[in-house]
Amino acid sequence: MAQNASDILMDILHEWGVEVIFGLPGDGINGMMEALRKRQDKIRFIQVRHEEAAAFMACAYAKHTGKLGCCIATSGPGALHLLNGLYDAKLDQQPRWR
């Protein structure tokens, strides 16, 4: 079976050590959600109720585990709502690569 961009992205995230992705599914990321579904034994997906929660959860995950925190949202307002949590991680310089 041929791989598409979503499959390649999820494989790369797994190679980088991503174990958990926090997010909210949407029409703009259906391909990535399918790629995640096929790799649910490698990367866990935790669905949240709001995109900001996904970003803050990824930030907290990075702070407390030292691993790479990852979040996903659909385009437009969904992606914009990720900014608060991502900026929090940036200000705290998380995760710090060892």
N, C-alpha and C. Protein backbone atom coordinates (compact mmCIF):
# COMPACT_ATOMS: atom_id res chain seq x y z
N MET A 1 0.84 -1.18 0.00
CA MET A 1 0.00 0.00 0.00
C MET A 1 0.88 1.25 0.00
N ALA A 2 0.57 2.19 -0.84
CA ALA A 2 1.35 3.42 -0.94
C ALA A 2 1.10 4.31 0.27
N GLN A 3 2.15 5.00 0.68
CA GLN A 3 2.03 5.92 1.80
C GLN A 3 1.71 7.32 1.30
N ASN A 4 0.90 8.04 2.06
CA ASN A 4 0.65 9.43 1.74
C ASN A 4 1.39 10.31 2.74
N ALA A 5 1.25 11.62 2.62
CA ALA A 5 1.98 12.55 3.47
C ALA A 5 1.66 12.36 4.95
N SER A 6 0.41 12.05 5.27
CA SER A 6 0.01 11.84 6.67
C SER A 6 0.72 10.62 7.27
N ASP A 7 0.81 9.55 6.50
CA ASP A 7 1.52 8.36 6.97
C ASP A 7 2.99 8.67 7.24
N ILE A 8 3.60 9.39 6.33
CA ILE A 8 5.01 9.73 6.49
C ILE A 8 5.20 10.62 7.71
N LEU A 9 4.32 11.61 7.91
CA LEU A 9 4.40 12.49 9.07
C LEU A 9 4.31 11.71 10.37
N MET A 10 3.36 10.80 10.46
CA MET A 10 3.20 10.02 11.70
C MET A 10 4.40 9.10 11.93
N ASP A 11 4.96 8.55 10.88
CA ASP A 11 6.17 7.73 11.02
C ASP A 11 7.34 8.57 11.54
N ILE A 12 7.48 9.78 11.03
CA ILE A 12 8.55 10.66 11.49
C ILE A 12 8.34 11.04 12.95
N LEU A 13 7.09 11.38 13.32
CA LEU A 13 6.82 11.72 14.73
C LEU A 13 7.16 10.54 15.64
N HIS A 14 6.85 9.34 15.20
CA HIS A 14 7.19 8.15 16.00
C HIS A 14 8.71 7.99 16.12
N GLU A 15 9.43 8.23 15.04
CA GLU A 15 10.89 8.15 15.08
C GLU A 15 11.48 9.20 16.02
N TRP A 16 10.84 10.36 16.13
CA TRP A 16 11.29 11.42 17.03
C TRP A 16 10.95 11.12 18.48
N GLY A 17 10.22 10.07 18.74
CA GLY A 17 9.89 9.69 20.10
C GLY A 17 8.55 10.17 20.60
N VAL A 18 7.70 10.66 19.72
CA VAL A 18 6.36 11.08 20.14
C VAL A 18 5.55 9.84 20.48
N GLU A 19 5.03 9.82 21.70
CA GLU A 19 4.22 8.70 22.16
C GLU A 19 2.75 9.07 22.30
N VAL A 20 2.47 10.36 22.49
CA VAL A 20 1.12 10.83 22.73
C VAL A 20 0.87 12.10 21.92
N ILE A 21 -0.30 12.19 21.29
CA ILE A 21 -0.72 13.40 20.62
C ILE A 21 -2.06 13.82 21.20
N PHE A 22 -2.14 15.07 21.63
CA PHE A 22 -3.37 15.63 22.17
C PHE A 22 -4.04 16.44 21.07
N GLY A 23 -5.35 16.33 20.93
CA GLY A 23 -5.98 17.12 19.88
C GLY A 23 -7.46 16.93 19.76
N LEU A 24 -7.97 17.59 18.75
CA LEU A 24 -9.39 17.59 18.44
C LEU A 24 -9.53 17.32 16.94
N PRO A 25 -10.20 16.23 16.56
CA PRO A 25 -10.34 15.91 15.14
C PRO A 25 -11.19 16.96 14.42
N GLY A 26 -10.95 17.08 13.14
CA GLY A 26 -11.73 17.97 12.30
C GLY A 26 -11.56 17.59 10.84
N ASP A 27 -12.41 18.14 9.98
CA ASP A 27 -12.38 17.77 8.57
C ASP A 27 -11.04 18.03 7.90
N GLY A 28 -10.34 19.08 8.31
CA GLY A 28 -9.08 19.42 7.67
C GLY A 28 -7.95 18.47 7.96
N ILE A 29 -8.10 17.61 8.97
CA ILE A 29 -7.01 16.69 9.35
C ILE A 29 -7.47 15.23 9.34
N ASN A 30 -8.49 14.92 8.55
CA ASN A 30 -8.97 13.54 8.48
C ASN A 30 -7.88 12.56 8.06
N GLY A 31 -7.02 12.97 7.15
CA GLY A 31 -5.93 12.09 6.71
C GLY A 31 -4.98 11.78 7.85
N MET A 32 -4.67 12.78 8.66
CA MET A 32 -3.77 12.55 9.79
C MET A 32 -4.44 11.69 10.86
N MET A 33 -5.73 11.88 11.05
CA MET A 33 -6.44 11.06 12.03
C MET A 33 -6.45 9.60 11.59
N GLU A 34 -6.59 9.35 10.30
CA GLU A 34 -6.55 7.97 9.80
C GLU A 34 -5.15 7.38 9.97
N ALA A 35 -4.12 8.19 9.71
CA ALA A 35 -2.75 7.72 9.91
C ALA A 35 -2.51 7.41 11.39
N LEU A 36 -3.06 8.22 12.27
CA LEU A 36 -2.94 7.95 13.71
C LEU A 36 -3.69 6.67 14.09
N ARG A 37 -4.88 6.48 13.51
CA ARG A 37 -5.66 5.27 13.81
C ARG A 37 -4.89 4.01 13.43
N LYS A 38 -4.19 4.06 12.30
CA LYS A 38 -3.42 2.90 11.85
C LYS A 38 -2.20 2.64 12.74
N ARG A 39 -1.77 3.65 13.49
CA ARG A 39 -0.59 3.53 14.36
C ARG A 39 -0.95 3.65 15.83
N GLN A 40 -2.17 3.29 16.18
CA GLN A 40 -2.60 3.48 17.56
C GLN A 40 -1.83 2.61 18.56
N ASP A 41 -1.12 1.61 18.08
CA ASP A 41 -0.26 0.83 18.97
C ASP A 41 1.07 1.52 19.24
N LYS A 42 1.41 2.53 18.43
CA LYS A 42 2.68 3.25 18.58
C LYS A 42 2.49 4.65 19.17
N ILE A 43 1.45 5.35 18.71
CA ILE A 43 1.18 6.72 19.16
C ILE A 43 -0.26 6.79 19.68
N ARG A 44 -0.39 7.21 20.92
CA ARG A 44 -1.71 7.36 21.53
C ARG A 44 -2.31 8.71 21.16
N PHE A 45 -3.59 8.73 20.86
CA PHE A 45 -4.30 9.98 20.60
C PHE A 45 -5.25 10.24 21.75
N ILE A 46 -5.14 11.41 22.36
CA ILE A 46 -6.04 11.80 23.44
C ILE A 46 -6.89 12.96 22.94
N GLN A 47 -8.19 12.70 22.83
CA GLN A 47 -9.11 13.72 22.33
C GLN A 47 -9.49 14.66 23.47
N VAL A 48 -9.48 15.95 23.16
CA VAL A 48 -9.85 16.97 24.14
C VAL A 48 -11.12 17.67 23.67
N ARG A 49 -11.63 18.55 24.51
CA ARG A 49 -12.85 19.28 24.15
C ARG A 49 -12.55 20.61 23.48
N HIS A 50 -11.33 21.09 23.63
CA HIS A 50 -10.98 22.38 23.04
C HIS A 50 -9.51 22.37 22.65
N GLU A 51 -9.17 23.05 21.57
CA GLU A 51 -7.80 23.05 21.07
C GLU A 51 -6.82 23.63 22.08
N GLU A 52 -7.23 24.65 22.82
CA GLU A 52 -6.32 25.23 23.82
C GLU A 52 -5.94 24.19 24.86
N ALA A 53 -6.89 23.34 25.23
CA ALA A 53 -6.59 22.28 26.19
C ALA A 53 -5.55 21.32 25.62
N ALA A 54 -5.63 21.03 24.33
CA ALA A 54 -4.64 20.14 23.70
C ALA A 54 -3.24 20.73 23.81
N ALA A 55 -3.11 22.01 23.52
CA ALA A 55 -1.79 22.65 23.56
C ALA A 55 -1.26 22.71 24.98
N PHE A 56 -2.10 23.04 25.95
CA PHE A 56 -1.64 23.08 27.33
C PHE A 56 -1.32 21.68 27.86
N MET A 57 -2.06 20.68 27.42
CA MET A 57 -1.77 19.30 27.83
C MET A 57 -0.43 18.84 27.24
N ALA A 58 -0.17 19.19 25.99
CA ALA A 58 1.11 18.84 25.37
C ALA A 58 2.25 19.54 26.09
N CYS A 59 2.04 20.80 26.47
CA CYS A 59 3.04 21.56 27.21
C CYS A 59 3.31 20.92 28.57
N ALA A 60 2.25 20.59 29.29
CA ALA A 60 2.41 19.95 30.61
C ALA A 60 3.07 18.59 30.48
N TYR A 61 2.71 17.84 29.45
CA TYR A 61 3.33 16.54 29.20
C TYR A 61 4.83 16.69 29.00
N ALA A 62 5.23 17.68 28.22
CA ALA A 62 6.65 17.92 27.98
C ALA A 62 7.36 18.34 29.26
N LYS A 63 6.73 19.19 30.05
CA LYS A 63 7.35 19.67 31.30
C LYS A 63 7.53 18.54 32.31
N HIS A 64 6.56 17.64 32.39
CA HIS A 64 6.61 16.62 33.43
C HIS A 64 7.31 15.33 33.01
N THR A 65 7.40 15.07 31.72
CA THR A 65 8.07 13.84 31.28
C THR A 65 9.42 14.10 30.64
N GLY A 66 9.65 15.32 30.18
CA GLY A 66 10.89 15.61 29.46
C GLY A 66 10.87 15.12 28.03
N LYS A 67 9.73 14.57 27.60
CA LYS A 67 9.58 14.08 26.23
C LYS A 67 8.93 15.16 25.38
N LEU A 68 8.90 14.92 24.10
CA LEU A 68 8.31 15.87 23.16
C LEU A 68 6.80 15.85 23.29
N GLY A 69 6.21 17.03 23.57
CA GLY A 69 4.76 17.17 23.62
C GLY A 69 4.25 17.50 22.23
N CYS A 70 3.13 16.92 21.85
CA CYS A 70 2.61 17.11 20.50
C CYS A 70 1.10 17.33 20.56
N CYS A 71 0.63 18.30 19.78
CA CYS A 71 -0.80 18.56 19.71
C CYS A 71 -1.20 18.76 18.25
N ILE A 72 -2.48 18.56 17.99
CA ILE A 72 -2.98 18.64 16.62
C ILE A 72 -4.36 19.28 16.64
N ALA A 73 -4.63 20.08 15.62
CA ALA A 73 -5.95 20.70 15.45
C ALA A 73 -6.17 20.96 13.97
N THR A 74 -7.40 21.21 13.62
CA THR A 74 -7.72 21.51 12.24
C THR A 74 -7.31 22.94 11.90
N SER A 75 -7.37 23.27 10.65
CA SER A 75 -6.92 24.59 10.19
C SER A 75 -7.88 25.70 10.64
N GLY A 76 -7.43 26.92 10.46
CA GLY A 76 -8.25 28.08 10.79
C GLY A 76 -8.30 28.34 12.29
N PRO A 77 -9.49 28.53 12.84
CA PRO A 77 -9.60 28.84 14.27
C PRO A 77 -9.01 27.75 15.16
N GLY A 78 -9.11 26.50 14.73
CA GLY A 78 -8.56 25.41 15.53
C GLY A 78 -7.07 25.56 15.75
N ALA A 79 -6.35 25.87 14.68
CA ALA A 79 -4.90 26.05 14.78
C ALA A 79 -4.57 27.29 15.59
N LEU A 80 -5.35 28.32 15.44
CA LEU A 80 -5.12 29.56 16.18
C LEU A 80 -5.26 29.34 17.69
N HIS A 81 -6.17 28.47 18.08
CA HIS A 81 -6.39 28.20 19.50
C HIS A 81 -5.22 27.45 20.14
N LEU A 82 -4.35 26.87 19.34
CA LEU A 82 -3.18 26.18 19.88
C LEU A 82 -2.12 27.15 20.39
N LEU A 83 -2.18 28.39 19.96
CA LEU A 83 -1.09 29.33 20.22
C LEU A 83 -0.79 29.57 21.70
N ASN A 84 -1.81 29.68 22.55
CA ASN A 84 -1.55 29.96 23.96
C ASN A 84 -0.68 28.88 24.60
N GLY A 85 -1.03 27.63 24.40
CA GLY A 85 -0.26 26.54 24.98
C GLY A 85 1.12 26.42 24.37
N LEU A 86 1.23 26.64 23.07
CA LEU A 86 2.53 26.57 22.41
C LEU A 86 3.44 27.70 22.88
N TYR A 87 2.87 28.87 23.08
CA TYR A 87 3.67 29.99 23.56
C TYR A 87 4.12 29.76 25.00
N ASP A 88 3.26 29.13 25.80
CA ASP A 88 3.64 28.78 27.17
C ASP A 88 4.84 27.84 27.16
N ALA A 89 4.82 26.86 26.28
CA ALA A 89 5.95 25.93 26.17
C ALA A 89 7.21 26.66 25.71
N LYS A 90 7.05 27.60 24.78
CA LYS A 90 8.19 28.36 24.28
C LYS A 90 8.81 29.20 25.40
N LEU A 91 7.97 29.88 26.17
CA LEU A 91 8.49 30.72 27.25
C LEU A 91 9.22 29.91 28.31
N ASP A 92 8.73 28.70 28.58
CA ASP A 92 9.36 27.83 29.57
C ASP A 92 10.47 26.98 28.98
N GLN A 93 10.74 27.15 27.70
CA GLN A 93 11.76 26.40 26.97
C GLN A 93 11.57 24.89 27.14
N GLN A 94 10.37 24.41 26.88
CA GLN A 94 10.05 23.01 27.03
C GLN A 94 9.75 22.38 25.68
N PRO A 95 10.09 21.15 25.44
CA PRO A 95 10.94 20.34 26.30
C PRO A 95 12.40 20.72 26.10
N ARG A 96 13.16 20.55 27.11
CA ARG A 96 14.61 20.79 27.01
C ARG A 96 15.26 19.51 26.54
N TRP A 97 15.96 19.61 25.43
CA TRP A 97 16.60 18.42 24.88
C TRP A 97 17.83 18.09 25.70
N ARG A 98 17.93 16.83 26.06
CA ARG A 98 19.05 16.38 26.90
C ARG A 98 20.12 15.76 26.05
